[in-house]
């Protein structure tokens, strides 16, 4: 199959949607398919790069959040989609809309994905969840893109339910973004239980995500402060974003101030392998690949429950859940896991087994089935339109 992936920003490794586009492309190519990547700063084989699109007021905010809009370059789009079997659109912005317009004009099948919750936009604009505004954003997304595409990839059942509530009538395909093979426990440990603490007596706990309000890392810091074992906990906050300064201030008074910073994928794997627990407190998340990546490396997850955050679905025990904004409840969970290393070891093995079912290679098989359905439906529609 020949597929064109159209994704605004391919310049960053800290944006989950960019990572998904690249990972899916690599996995599909490994299975013998041809994938072209079109987006800003696209690099490597079978890629076409376009320039950044500057939007007054919006661009400085989006850059601070680690995202760049792409110019809807008509010539680049034409080259990217020429001769492909299907065009897959990752976001509802100008570049993707131009690709949709050209694909429809050329009778090329189109599919799309839903990777951007409106609440991500309102949270970064300091407006919170803003339900009325988010409902309006959904209507805009539908009018500009999703009402014109039949088959849509949803990374979680949570976002599929939310789309149905907001009037999306598409064929929604719930498929995990998946975890790459590099995310594994230490090969020397295999499935041997990970120690609760290191030789210095510290319990290493990780969280990964953009440093932004909706990721809610401040609740994790407060939970560590409230923990009976605060003096033994070393918190690692892996990510980059506009909230870094505030998080450093919040964590400065902990017995062991958090280690904060962005890591390459290789370095992140090594750090996750030595952490006993992984905490995710986000209030807005379509899937949160970082949770899967963490338990694939051997961390036992403790995941916040929130109506607009999907990763709580990965919890295999109630001990892995807490109300996302409740620092006291999270502190209790952390204390329980630290005080029950034998339970931690047992659940670690179960989470490792769960990770194997969520490998990217397995997920792209489901994605290919969606693309085949999109091709069949759109070709039939084009034939009816031309008759």
Protein backbone atom coordinates (compact mmCIF):
# COMPACT_ATOMS: atom_id res chain seq x y z
CA UNK A 1 0.00 0.00 0.00
CA UNK A 2 1.15 3.55 -0.76
CA UNK A 3 0.13 6.01 1.97
CA UNK A 4 0.68 9.75 2.39
CA UNK A 5 0.85 10.95 6.01
CA UNK A 6 0.01 14.65 6.36
CA UNK A 7 0.97 16.13 9.73
CA UNK A 8 1.65 19.82 10.45
CA UNK A 9 4.69 19.47 12.70
CA UNK A 10 7.31 16.77 12.20
CA UNK A 11 10.09 18.81 13.77
CA UNK A 12 9.79 17.62 17.36
CA UNK A 13 10.16 14.43 19.37
CA UNK A 14 8.26 15.85 22.35
CA UNK A 15 4.89 16.04 20.61
CA UNK A 16 2.90 12.82 20.86
CA UNK A 17 1.20 13.21 17.47
CA UNK A 18 4.54 13.80 15.70
CA UNK A 19 5.95 10.71 17.40
CA UNK A 20 2.94 8.65 16.33
CA UNK A 21 3.29 9.75 12.70
CA UNK A 22 6.95 8.81 12.60
CA UNK A 23 6.49 5.53 14.49
CA UNK A 24 3.59 4.39 12.35
CA UNK A 25 5.53 5.32 9.20
CA UNK A 26 8.54 3.28 10.32
CA UNK A 27 6.39 0.30 11.31
CA UNK A 28 4.47 0.36 8.03
CA UNK A 29 7.68 0.60 6.02
CA UNK A 30 9.07 -2.37 7.93
CA UNK A 31 6.06 -4.33 6.69
CA UNK A 32 6.83 -3.41 3.08
CA UNK A 33 4.45 -0.47 2.59
CA UNK A 34 5.41 2.90 1.08
CA UNK A 35 4.79 5.88 3.36
CA UNK A 36 5.40 9.51 2.43
CA UNK A 37 5.59 12.06 5.23
CA UNK A 38 4.50 15.65 4.56
CA UNK A 39 4.93 18.31 7.22
CA UNK A 40 7.03 21.10 8.61
CA UNK A 41 10.69 20.07 9.04
CA UNK A 42 10.08 16.55 7.71
CA UNK A 43 13.41 14.77 7.26
CA UNK A 44 14.60 11.43 5.94
CA UNK A 45 13.59 9.23 3.06
CA UNK A 46 10.18 9.71 1.39
CA UNK A 47 9.51 13.03 3.10
CA UNK A 48 8.48 16.47 1.88
CA UNK A 49 9.12 19.47 4.11
CA UNK A 50 7.03 22.64 4.14
CA UNK A 51 7.63 25.96 5.87
CA UNK A 52 6.12 27.06 9.15
CA UNK A 53 2.86 28.97 9.02
CA UNK A 54 2.89 32.10 11.17
CA UNK A 55 -0.45 33.00 12.74
CA UNK A 56 -0.62 36.28 14.69
CA UNK A 57 -1.01 35.76 18.46
CA UNK A 58 -1.44 31.99 18.03
CA UNK A 59 2.06 31.08 16.80
CA UNK A 60 3.98 32.29 19.90
CA UNK A 61 1.62 30.30 22.15
CA UNK A 62 1.80 27.14 20.04
CA UNK A 63 5.59 27.33 19.85
CA UNK A 64 5.79 27.60 23.64
CA UNK A 65 3.73 24.39 23.78
CA UNK A 66 6.11 22.63 21.39
CA UNK A 67 3.90 22.75 18.28
CA UNK A 68 4.32 24.49 14.91
CA UNK A 69 1.68 25.03 12.24
CA UNK A 70 2.62 24.24 8.63
CA UNK A 71 1.96 26.28 5.51
CA UNK A 72 -0.57 24.67 3.15
CA UNK A 73 1.96 24.44 0.30
CA UNK A 74 -0.09 23.37 -2.73
CA UNK A 75 2.86 22.09 -4.75
CA UNK A 76 4.26 20.04 -1.86
CA UNK A 77 0.83 18.55 -1.22
CA UNK A 78 0.47 17.61 -4.89
CA UNK A 79 3.84 15.84 -4.87
CA UNK A 80 3.09 14.04 -1.61
CA UNK A 81 -0.24 12.59 -2.69
CA UNK A 82 0.60 11.83 -6.32
CA UNK A 83 0.02 8.14 -7.02
CA UNK A 84 -0.80 7.08 -3.45
CA UNK A 85 -3.61 4.70 -2.52
CA UNK A 86 -4.79 6.75 0.45
CA UNK A 87 -4.06 10.05 2.23
CA UNK A 88 -4.12 10.02 6.04
CA UNK A 89 -4.63 13.34 7.83
CA UNK A 90 -3.44 13.75 11.42
CA UNK A 91 -4.90 17.15 12.38
CA UNK A 92 -7.70 19.50 11.20
CA UNK A 93 -5.47 22.42 10.16
CA UNK A 94 -4.67 24.23 6.91
CA UNK A 95 -2.08 21.77 5.56
CA UNK A 96 -4.38 18.80 6.11
CA UNK A 97 -7.36 20.65 4.66
CA UNK A 98 -5.37 21.42 1.50
CA UNK A 99 -4.44 17.75 1.23
CA UNK A 100 -8.11 16.82 1.64
CA UNK A 101 -9.15 19.28 -1.09
CA UNK A 102 -6.56 17.98 -3.56
CA UNK A 103 -7.23 14.33 -2.74
CA UNK A 104 -10.96 14.75 -3.32
CA UNK A 105 -10.29 16.57 -6.61
CA UNK A 106 -8.04 13.70 -7.73
CA UNK A 107 -10.41 10.95 -6.45
CA UNK A 108 -7.85 9.66 -3.95
CA UNK A 109 -9.26 7.97 -0.81
CA UNK A 110 -8.79 9.84 2.49
CA UNK A 111 -8.75 8.85 6.16
CA UNK A 112 -8.09 10.96 9.23
CA UNK A 113 -7.12 10.75 12.89
CA UNK A 114 -8.31 12.62 15.97
CA UNK A 115 -5.27 13.56 18.07
CA UNK A 116 -6.14 17.04 19.37
CA UNK A 117 -8.72 17.55 22.10
CA UNK A 118 -10.21 21.05 22.18
CA UNK A 119 -9.42 21.04 25.92
CA UNK A 120 -5.71 20.99 25.04
CA UNK A 121 -6.25 24.36 23.37
CA UNK A 122 -8.34 25.92 26.14
CA UNK A 123 -6.07 24.64 28.94
CA UNK A 124 -2.99 26.19 27.35
CA UNK A 125 -4.93 29.42 26.88
CA UNK A 126 -5.56 29.36 30.66
CA UNK A 127 -9.31 28.93 30.19
CA UNK A 128 -9.62 25.47 31.73
CA UNK A 129 -11.97 22.93 30.18
CA UNK A 130 -14.45 25.61 28.95
CA UNK A 131 -17.22 23.19 27.82
CA UNK A 132 -19.17 25.66 25.67
CA UNK A 133 -16.05 26.85 23.86
CA UNK A 134 -14.85 23.27 23.38
CA UNK A 135 -18.21 22.30 21.89
CA UNK A 136 -17.74 25.16 19.42
CA UNK A 137 -14.24 23.94 18.56
CA UNK A 138 -15.65 20.48 17.89
CA UNK A 139 -18.21 21.98 15.49
CA UNK A 140 -15.41 23.86 13.74
CA UNK A 141 -13.25 20.73 13.44
CA UNK A 142 -16.20 18.82 12.00
CA UNK A 143 -17.09 21.53 9.49
CA UNK A 144 -13.53 22.01 8.31
CA UNK A 145 -12.42 18.37 8.10
CA UNK A 146 -14.15 15.50 9.86
CA UNK A 147 -17.57 15.86 8.20
CA UNK A 148 -15.74 15.26 4.91
CA UNK A 149 -13.90 12.06 5.92
CA UNK A 150 -15.58 8.73 6.64
CA UNK A 151 -12.97 6.70 8.54
CA UNK A 152 -11.26 8.21 11.61
CA UNK A 153 -8.55 6.74 13.85
CA UNK A 154 -9.22 7.30 17.57
CA UNK A 155 -6.34 6.40 19.93
CA UNK A 156 -8.73 5.52 22.78
CA UNK A 157 -12.33 4.56 23.49
CA UNK A 158 -12.60 7.66 25.68
CA UNK A 159 -12.05 10.03 22.75
CA UNK A 160 -14.36 7.95 20.53
CA UNK A 161 -17.14 8.39 23.12
CA UNK A 162 -16.43 12.12 23.31
CA UNK A 163 -16.62 12.46 19.53
CA UNK A 164 -19.96 10.65 19.43
CA UNK A 165 -21.30 12.98 22.15
CA UNK A 166 -20.22 15.92 19.99
CA UNK A 167 -22.03 14.80 16.87
CA UNK A 168 -19.31 13.02 14.89
CA UNK A 169 -21.00 10.42 12.67
CA UNK A 170 -17.78 8.94 11.24
CA UNK A 171 -16.73 5.31 11.33
CA UNK A 172 -14.50 5.54 14.41
CA UNK A 173 -11.64 3.03 14.70
CA UNK A 174 -10.21 2.72 18.22
CA UNK A 175 -6.54 1.81 17.77
CA UNK A 176 -3.75 2.49 20.24
CA UNK A 177 -0.85 4.62 19.05
CA UNK A 178 1.29 1.76 20.35
CA UNK A 179 4.64 1.38 22.05
CA UNK A 180 7.90 0.83 20.09
CA UNK A 181 10.08 -2.20 20.68
CA UNK A 182 12.84 -0.09 22.27
CA UNK A 183 10.70 0.36 25.40
CA UNK A 184 11.57 -2.79 27.34
CA UNK A 185 12.80 -3.62 30.86
CA UNK A 186 16.51 -3.99 31.47
CA UNK A 187 17.65 -7.04 29.48
CA UNK A 188 19.77 -8.11 32.46
CA UNK A 189 16.72 -8.14 34.73
CA UNK A 190 14.30 -9.83 32.35
CA UNK A 191 11.14 -10.23 34.46
CA UNK A 192 13.01 -10.25 37.79
CA UNK A 193 11.30 -7.80 40.21
CA UNK A 194 12.74 -4.31 40.20
CA UNK A 195 14.03 -3.09 43.56
CA UNK A 196 11.79 -0.62 45.35
CA UNK A 197 14.77 1.61 46.17
CA UNK A 198 18.33 2.08 44.94
CA UNK A 199 21.58 1.63 46.86
CA UNK A 200 21.18 5.13 48.30
CA UNK A 201 17.75 4.20 49.66
CA UNK A 202 15.88 6.41 47.19
CA UNK A 203 12.66 5.37 45.49
CA UNK A 204 12.73 6.70 41.93
CA UNK A 205 9.36 7.80 40.53
CA UNK A 206 8.88 9.14 36.99
CA UNK A 207 6.33 11.15 35.08
CA UNK A 208 6.58 12.08 31.40
CA UNK A 209 4.71 14.77 29.49
CA UNK A 210 4.63 18.30 28.25
CA UNK A 211 5.11 20.78 31.09
CA UNK A 212 1.69 22.37 30.73
CA UNK A 213 -1.36 22.96 32.97
CA UNK A 214 -3.46 20.02 31.77
CA UNK A 215 -0.64 17.55 32.49
CA UNK A 216 -1.06 18.45 36.18
CA UNK A 217 2.46 17.63 37.38
CA UNK A 218 1.89 20.00 40.30
CA UNK A 219 -0.43 17.42 41.90
CA UNK A 220 2.37 14.84 41.74
CA UNK A 221 4.76 17.23 43.48
CA UNK A 222 2.22 17.91 46.22
CA UNK A 223 1.58 14.17 46.65
CA UNK A 224 5.29 13.54 47.15
CA UNK A 225 5.31 16.31 49.75
CA UNK A 226 2.45 14.58 51.62
CA UNK A 227 3.93 11.09 51.39
CA UNK A 228 5.15 9.33 54.53
CA UNK A 229 8.24 8.50 52.49
CA UNK A 230 8.90 11.98 51.06
CA UNK A 231 12.49 11.89 52.28
CA UNK A 232 13.13 8.72 50.25
CA UNK A 233 11.42 9.72 46.99
CA UNK A 234 13.31 11.10 44.02
CA UNK A 235 10.81 12.42 41.48
CA UNK A 236 11.80 12.69 37.81
CA UNK A 237 9.68 14.96 35.57
CA UNK A 238 10.65 14.30 31.95
CA UNK A 239 9.41 16.85 29.42
CA UNK A 240 9.60 20.41 28.19
CA UNK A 241 7.10 23.23 28.04
CA UNK A 242 5.94 26.58 29.42
CA UNK A 243 5.32 25.29 32.94
CA UNK A 244 8.93 24.37 33.77
CA UNK A 245 9.72 27.41 35.93
CA UNK A 246 6.55 27.02 38.01
CA UNK A 247 7.23 23.31 38.56
CA UNK A 248 10.78 24.00 39.70
CA UNK A 249 9.45 26.51 42.23
CA UNK A 250 6.82 24.07 43.44
CA UNK A 251 9.33 21.26 43.87
CA UNK A 252 12.18 23.28 45.37
CA UNK A 253 11.07 22.61 48.97
CA UNK A 254 10.81 18.82 48.62
CA UNK A 255 13.43 16.85 50.57
CA UNK A 256 14.76 15.76 47.16
CA UNK A 257 13.82 18.42 44.58
CA UNK A 258 12.53 16.89 41.32
CA UNK A 259 14.84 16.30 38.39
CA UNK A 260 13.20 18.14 35.48
CA UNK A 261 14.16 18.10 31.81
CA UNK A 262 13.66 16.68 28.34
CA UNK A 263 15.42 13.45 27.32
CA UNK A 264 16.04 11.70 24.03
CA UNK A 265 14.09 8.48 23.51
CA UNK A 266 17.21 6.40 24.23
CA UNK A 267 17.97 8.25 27.46
CA UNK A 268 14.31 8.13 28.51
CA UNK A 269 14.25 4.34 28.20
CA UNK A 270 17.30 4.04 30.44
CA UNK A 271 15.75 6.33 33.07
CA UNK A 272 12.40 4.54 33.05
CA UNK A 273 14.14 1.19 33.51
CA UNK A 274 15.51 2.33 36.87
CA UNK A 275 12.28 3.90 38.15
CA UNK A 276 10.03 1.74 40.31
CA UNK A 277 6.80 3.70 39.79
CA UNK A 278 5.34 5.90 37.07
CA UNK A 279 2.71 8.55 37.86
CA UNK A 280 0.39 10.20 35.33
CA UNK A 281 -1.93 12.92 36.66
CA UNK A 282 -3.10 14.55 33.42
CA UNK A 283 -6.66 15.85 33.25
CA UNK A 284 -6.74 15.95 29.41
CA UNK A 285 -5.22 13.11 27.39
CA UNK A 286 -6.44 11.25 24.30
CA UNK A 287 -4.24 8.24 25.10
CA UNK A 288 -0.94 9.14 26.84
CA UNK A 289 1.62 6.92 25.16
CA UNK A 290 4.01 7.76 27.98
CA UNK A 291 2.00 5.53 30.33
CA UNK A 292 2.35 2.52 28.03
CA UNK A 293 6.03 3.27 27.46
CA UNK A 294 6.63 3.40 31.20
CA UNK A 295 5.04 0.09 32.11
CA UNK A 296 6.69 -1.49 29.05
CA UNK A 297 10.00 -0.53 30.71
CA UNK A 298 8.97 -2.11 34.02
CA UNK A 299 7.44 0.77 35.96
CA UNK A 300 4.25 0.11 37.89
CA UNK A 301 1.83 2.89 36.87
CA UNK A 302 -0.31 5.06 39.14
CA UNK A 303 -2.79 6.87 36.88
CA UNK A 304 -5.13 9.78 37.49
CA UNK A 305 -8.81 9.36 36.65
CA UNK A 306 -10.46 12.31 34.88
CA UNK A 307 -13.41 12.50 32.46
CA UNK A 308 -11.29 13.77 29.56
CA UNK A 309 -8.20 11.64 30.18
CA UNK A 310 -7.97 8.16 28.66
CA UNK A 311 -4.99 6.37 30.26
CA UNK A 312 -6.89 5.21 33.37
CA UNK A 313 -8.15 2.45 31.05
CA UNK A 314 -4.68 0.90 31.24
CA UNK A 315 -4.91 0.28 35.01
CA UNK A 316 -5.00 -3.40 35.89
CA UNK A 317 -5.71 -2.83 39.58
CA UNK A 318 -7.50 -0.20 41.67
CA UNK A 319 -4.16 0.45 43.37
CA UNK A 320 -3.03 1.98 40.05
CA UNK A 321 -5.78 4.63 40.10
CA UNK A 322 -6.46 7.90 41.93
CA UNK A 323 -8.64 10.99 41.28
CA UNK A 324 -6.41 13.09 39.02
CA UNK A 325 -6.42 16.28 41.10
CA UNK A 326 -6.37 14.62 44.55
CA UNK A 327 -2.83 14.88 45.93
CA UNK A 328 -3.78 13.19 49.21
CA UNK A 329 -5.19 10.14 47.39
CA UNK A 330 -2.07 9.94 45.22
CA UNK A 331 0.17 10.14 48.29
CA UNK A 332 -1.72 7.20 49.79
CA UNK A 333 -1.23 5.18 46.59
CA UNK A 334 2.49 5.95 46.48
CA UNK A 335 2.91 4.97 50.12
CA UNK A 336 1.08 1.66 49.56
CA UNK A 337 3.26 0.67 46.62
CA UNK A 338 6.46 1.67 48.40
CA UNK A 339 5.44 -0.32 51.49
CA UNK A 340 4.46 -3.43 49.45
CA UNK A 341 7.44 -4.30 47.27
CA UNK A 342 6.20 -7.86 46.75
CA UNK A 343 2.95 -6.54 45.24
CA UNK A 344 4.93 -4.11 43.14
CA UNK A 345 6.98 -7.01 41.76
CA UNK A 346 3.90 -9.10 40.97
CA UNK A 347 2.04 -6.31 39.18
CA UNK A 348 5.14 -5.31 37.27
CA UNK A 349 5.06 -8.66 35.48
CA UNK A 350 1.37 -8.23 34.62
CA UNK A 351 1.93 -4.77 33.19
CA UNK A 352 4.86 -6.03 31.12
CA UNK A 353 2.56 -8.67 29.60
CA UNK A 354 -0.07 -6.01 28.85
CA UNK A 355 2.54 -3.88 27.07
CA UNK A 356 3.22 -6.69 24.61
CA UNK A 357 -0.37 -6.47 23.34
CA UNK A 358 0.12 -2.76 22.62
CA UNK A 359 3.26 -2.90 20.47
CA UNK A 360 3.27 -0.60 17.42
CA UNK A 361 3.62 -3.58 15.08
CA UNK A 362 0.30 -4.98 16.26
CA UNK A 363 -1.42 -1.60 16.17
CA UNK A 364 -0.47 -0.86 12.56
CA UNK A 365 -2.17 -4.09 11.47
CA UNK A 366 -5.45 -2.63 12.74
CA UNK A 367 -4.56 0.69 11.12
CA UNK A 368 -4.05 -1.05 7.76
CA UNK A 369 -7.48 -2.64 8.07
CA UNK A 370 -8.94 0.85 8.59
CA UNK A 371 -7.11 2.15 5.52
CA UNK A 372 -8.41 -0.72 3.41
CA UNK A 373 -11.96 0.14 4.51
CA UNK A 374 -11.37 3.82 3.70
CA UNK A 375 -10.07 2.94 0.23
CA UNK A 376 -13.00 0.66 -0.53
CA UNK A 377 -15.62 3.16 0.70
CA UNK A 378 -14.10 6.20 -1.00
CA UNK A 379 -13.54 4.47 -4.33
CA UNK A 380 -17.19 3.39 -4.35
CA UNK A 381 -18.22 6.96 -3.51
CA UNK A 382 -16.04 8.40 -6.29
CA UNK A 383 -17.58 5.98 -8.77
CA UNK A 384 -21.11 6.96 -7.76
CA UNK A 385 -20.17 10.64 -8.00
CA UNK A 386 -18.80 10.27 -11.52
CA UNK A 387 -21.68 8.18 -12.88
